C-alpha cells in the first residue's frame, strides 16, 4: 500500500466529492493506463476500489471521485464524513481491467453518473494522443453530473455531450443515434449503473460489433 495525503476535496456534484491524493513523504506515484483504478483503505478500515480520473501521465497526484451511497457500509460514507484535507490515506498501486483499444479509429465513451470517472481518464489520454473520441454523459440533472464544468471547456470543449433527465426509451434512442453514425473500427466504452451498461452493450454489439464494446 502507498501512503498519500489528501491535498484537496471538491464538491463535484450532488453527493459526489473528488479527492486529490498526492504523495506522502517517502512515496512516489507512477503514471497509469487510462481506465485504471486503485484500492483505497478508508478511515474505518474498509477498502473500496475507485477509478482514477486525472491525466494518466500526471504523477504529481491521483484524482478520484466518490459518490456517497445511500446504502454505504462504511466505504463512501466514511470518505465523505471522516476525511479532511491534509489527512493521510493508504492506496494500492493502479490496476487496469478497462483498457482503451489500440486499434480504434474512433472512441465513443458512454458514462452514467459516477461512471464518468474512468472515462474521464480515457478522455485525458485521448486528448494527449490526438485521437478522435466523443463522450456522452447521462445524469438525472446537471447538479448530478460530476466534472460537468471541466468537460464543457478547454481541451474537452465540443467533445462531450450531456444528456440530462432522459427516459429509458430516449436513452436507447440516443445510443442508437450515436453508434449508427460511427465510422468503421469504432469502439464503445461504458461505465455506470448495470441497466445503463446493459443498454450500451446491447446497442453496441449490434452496431459496432461485440469485440468493439468495452
Protein backbone atom coordinates (compact mmCIF):
# COMPACT_ATOMS: atom_id res chain seq x y z
CA UNK A 1 0.00 0.00 0.00
CA UNK A 2 1.15 3.56 -0.74
CA UNK A 3 0.78 6.45 1.69
CA UNK A 4 -0.85 9.55 0.21
CA UNK A 5 -2.08 12.88 1.53
CA UNK A 6 -5.46 14.38 0.70
CA UNK A 7 -4.43 17.67 -0.87
CA UNK A 8 -7.86 18.87 -1.97
CA UNK A 9 -11.52 17.90 -1.64
CA UNK A 10 -14.10 19.35 -4.04
CA UNK A 11 -17.88 19.01 -4.13
CA UNK A 12 -18.19 18.00 -7.78
CA UNK A 13 -21.94 17.27 -7.84
CA UNK A 14 -24.75 16.23 -5.53
CA UNK A 15 -23.34 13.51 -3.23
CA UNK A 16 -20.10 13.34 -5.24
CA UNK A 17 -16.76 14.58 -3.93
CA UNK A 18 -13.37 14.44 -5.60
CA UNK A 19 -10.21 13.77 -3.62
CA UNK A 20 -6.80 14.82 -4.93
CA UNK A 21 -4.27 12.38 -3.48
CA UNK A 22 -0.63 13.47 -3.54
CA UNK A 23 2.42 11.50 -2.41
CA UNK A 24 3.13 11.45 1.30
CA UNK A 25 6.77 11.62 2.39
CA UNK A 26 8.68 8.65 1.03
CA UNK A 27 6.03 7.78 -1.57
CA UNK A 28 6.27 8.07 -5.33
CA UNK A 29 3.34 7.82 -7.70
CA UNK A 30 3.62 6.34 -11.17
CA UNK A 31 1.86 7.03 -14.43
CA UNK A 32 -1.02 4.67 -15.15
CA UNK A 33 -3.11 3.47 -18.06
CA UNK A 34 -6.42 5.28 -18.64
CA UNK A 35 -9.29 3.30 -17.13
CA UNK A 36 -7.25 2.16 -14.12
CA UNK A 37 -8.45 2.07 -10.52
CA UNK A 38 -6.88 1.93 -7.07
CA UNK A 39 -7.82 0.29 -3.79
CA UNK A 40 -8.44 2.93 -1.11
CA UNK A 41 -8.24 1.99 2.56
CA UNK A 42 -10.72 4.28 4.29
CA UNK A 43 -10.65 5.56 7.88
CA UNK A 44 -12.98 2.77 9.05
CA UNK A 45 -10.69 0.05 7.71
CA UNK A 46 -12.92 -0.67 4.71
CA UNK A 47 -11.20 -1.00 1.33
CA UNK A 48 -13.02 0.09 -1.80
CA UNK A 49 -11.98 0.46 -5.44
CA UNK A 50 -12.17 3.86 -7.12
CA UNK A 51 -11.35 4.77 -10.70
CA UNK A 52 -8.58 7.29 -11.35
CA UNK A 53 -9.83 10.27 -13.30
CA UNK A 54 -6.81 12.59 -13.54
CA UNK A 55 -4.48 12.75 -16.57
CA UNK A 56 -2.79 9.32 -16.52
CA UNK A 57 0.71 10.72 -17.05
CA UNK A 58 0.48 13.24 -14.19
CA UNK A 59 2.48 11.72 -11.33
CA UNK A 60 2.03 14.73 -9.05
CA UNK A 61 -1.25 13.33 -7.76
CA UNK A 62 -4.12 10.94 -8.33
CA UNK A 63 -7.71 12.19 -8.55
CA UNK A 64 -10.64 10.01 -7.51
CA UNK A 65 -14.32 10.86 -7.18
CA UNK A 66 -16.55 9.18 -4.63
CA UNK A 67 -20.34 9.07 -4.66
CA UNK A 68 -21.90 8.84 -1.25
CA UNK A 69 -24.07 5.74 -1.48
CA UNK A 70 -27.29 5.62 0.50
CA UNK A 71 -26.55 2.00 1.41
CA UNK A 72 -22.89 2.62 2.28
CA UNK A 73 -21.43 0.17 4.81
CA UNK A 74 -18.50 2.38 5.77
CA UNK A 75 -16.77 2.96 2.43
CA UNK A 76 -18.09 6.01 0.63
CA UNK A 77 -19.79 7.45 3.73
CA UNK A 78 -16.52 7.37 5.69
CA UNK A 79 -14.62 9.16 2.94
CA UNK A 80 -17.32 11.85 2.82
CA UNK A 81 -17.75 12.25 6.58
CA UNK A 82 -14.42 11.40 8.18
CA UNK A 83 -11.71 12.53 5.75
CA UNK A 84 -10.45 16.12 5.59
CA UNK A 85 -7.80 17.89 3.56
CA UNK A 86 -4.34 17.22 4.93
CA UNK A 87 -5.11 13.75 6.23
CA UNK A 88 -3.27 10.64 5.07
CA UNK A 89 -4.75 7.57 3.42
CA UNK A 90 -3.35 4.34 2.05
CA UNK A 91 -3.95 3.24 -1.51
CA UNK A 92 -2.88 0.34 -3.69
CA UNK A 93 -0.93 0.68 -6.91
CA UNK A 94 -3.05 1.37 -10.02
CA UNK A 95 -4.55 -1.68 -11.74
CA UNK A 96 -6.35 -1.71 -15.06
CA UNK A 97 -9.11 -4.03 -16.24
CA UNK A 98 -10.71 -1.45 -18.58
CA UNK A 99 -8.32 -0.50 -21.38
CA UNK A 100 -8.58 1.62 -24.49
CA UNK A 101 -8.24 -0.30 -27.75
CA UNK A 102 -5.07 0.40 -29.70
CA UNK A 103 -6.89 -0.35 -32.96
CA UNK A 104 -9.88 2.00 -32.77
CA UNK A 105 -10.46 4.68 -35.42
CA UNK A 106 -12.95 6.41 -33.10
CA UNK A 107 -13.62 6.02 -29.37
CA UNK A 108 -17.18 6.55 -28.12
CA UNK A 109 -17.38 6.92 -24.33
CA UNK A 110 -20.76 6.38 -22.64
CA UNK A 111 -20.94 7.40 -18.97
CA UNK A 112 -23.81 7.47 -16.50
CA UNK A 113 -23.50 9.21 -13.14
CA UNK A 114 -20.32 8.40 -11.23
CA UNK A 115 -19.38 6.09 -14.12
CA UNK A 116 -17.79 9.12 -15.76
CA UNK A 117 -14.61 8.67 -13.69
CA UNK A 118 -12.67 6.04 -15.70
CA UNK A 119 -13.93 7.57 -18.93
CA UNK A 120 -12.56 10.96 -17.88
CA UNK A 121 -9.07 9.49 -17.61
CA UNK A 122 -9.58 7.98 -21.07
CA UNK A 123 -10.61 11.37 -22.44
CA UNK A 124 -7.50 12.98 -20.92
CA UNK A 125 -5.31 10.36 -22.61
CA UNK A 126 -7.07 10.60 -25.97
CA UNK A 127 -6.65 14.38 -25.94
CA UNK A 128 -2.91 13.97 -25.36
CA UNK A 129 -2.65 11.36 -28.12
CA UNK A 130 -4.69 13.39 -30.58
CA UNK A 131 -7.11 10.51 -31.12
CA UNK A 132 -10.75 11.12 -32.11
CA UNK A 133 -13.38 10.46 -29.45
CA UNK A 134 -16.67 11.70 -28.08
CA UNK A 135 -18.05 11.39 -24.56
CA UNK A 136 -21.79 11.00 -23.97
CA UNK A 137 -22.61 11.75 -20.33
CA UNK A 138 -26.00 10.74 -18.88
CA UNK A 139 -27.24 12.00 -15.50
CA UNK A 140 -30.59 12.82 -13.85
CA UNK A 141 -29.77 16.55 -13.96
CA UNK A 142 -26.84 18.96 -14.26
CA UNK A 143 -26.40 19.03 -10.49
CA UNK A 144 -25.79 15.27 -10.52
CA UNK A 145 -23.08 15.48 -13.21
CA UNK A 146 -19.56 15.49 -11.76
CA UNK A 147 -16.90 17.37 -13.73
CA UNK A 148 -19.53 18.98 -15.97
CA UNK A 149 -17.69 22.32 -15.86
CA UNK A 150 -14.39 20.72 -16.84
CA UNK A 151 -15.92 18.74 -19.69
CA UNK A 152 -17.53 21.84 -21.20
CA UNK A 153 -14.35 23.87 -21.54
CA UNK A 154 -10.74 23.80 -22.75
CA UNK A 155 -9.48 20.65 -24.40
CA UNK A 156 -12.83 18.91 -23.83
CA UNK A 157 -14.98 21.58 -25.46
CA UNK A 158 -17.02 20.10 -28.28
CA UNK A 159 -16.01 16.56 -27.33
CA UNK A 160 -18.67 15.94 -24.68
CA UNK A 161 -22.45 15.86 -24.96
CA UNK A 162 -24.63 15.91 -21.86
CA UNK A 163 -27.94 14.04 -21.64
CA UNK A 164 -29.96 15.00 -18.56
CA UNK A 165 -33.18 13.51 -17.22
CA UNK A 166 -33.89 11.16 -20.12
CA UNK A 167 -36.46 8.38 -20.00
CA UNK A 168 -35.16 4.89 -20.68
CA UNK A 169 -36.66 4.79 -24.17
CA UNK A 170 -34.94 8.08 -25.03
CA UNK A 171 -31.61 6.78 -23.72
CA UNK A 172 -31.86 3.87 -26.17
CA UNK A 173 -32.58 6.32 -28.99
CA UNK A 174 -29.53 8.43 -28.11
CA UNK A 175 -27.32 5.34 -28.04
CA UNK A 176 -28.72 4.21 -31.38
CA UNK A 177 -28.05 7.59 -32.99
CA UNK A 178 -24.52 7.85 -31.61
CA UNK A 179 -23.48 4.40 -32.74
CA UNK A 180 -25.38 4.37 -36.03
CA UNK A 181 -23.22 7.30 -37.17
CA UNK A 182 -19.97 5.58 -36.13
CA UNK A 183 -17.16 5.10 -38.63
CA UNK A 184 -15.64 1.64 -39.25
CA UNK A 185 -13.40 0.42 -36.40
CA UNK A 186 -15.29 2.46 -33.82
CA UNK A 187 -15.00 1.16 -30.26
CA UNK A 188 -17.51 1.89 -27.49
CA UNK A 189 -16.76 2.06 -23.76
CA UNK A 190 -19.26 2.28 -20.93
CA UNK A 191 -19.36 2.69 -17.16
CA UNK A 192 -22.34 3.36 -14.91
CA UNK A 193 -25.31 1.51 -13.41
CA UNK A 194 -25.83 -2.04 -14.65
CA UNK A 195 -29.03 -1.30 -16.58
CA UNK A 196 -27.34 1.54 -18.44
CA UNK A 197 -24.30 -0.53 -19.32
CA UNK A 198 -26.58 -3.36 -20.48
CA UNK A 199 -28.24 -0.91 -22.88
CA UNK A 200 -24.89 0.27 -24.26
CA UNK A 201 -23.73 -3.31 -24.73
CA UNK A 202 -26.99 -4.34 -26.38
CA UNK A 203 -26.89 -1.48 -28.89
CA UNK A 204 -23.13 -1.61 -29.31
CA UNK A 205 -22.92 -5.30 -30.11
CA UNK A 206 -25.40 -4.75 -32.92
CA UNK A 207 -23.96 -1.54 -34.36
CA UNK A 208 -20.19 -1.61 -33.74
CA UNK A 209 -19.62 -5.30 -33.01
CA UNK A 210 -19.25 -7.49 -29.94
CA UNK A 211 -15.44 -7.24 -29.86
CA UNK A 212 -15.62 -3.43 -30.02
CA UNK A 213 -17.68 -2.93 -26.86
CA UNK A 214 -15.84 -2.50 -23.57
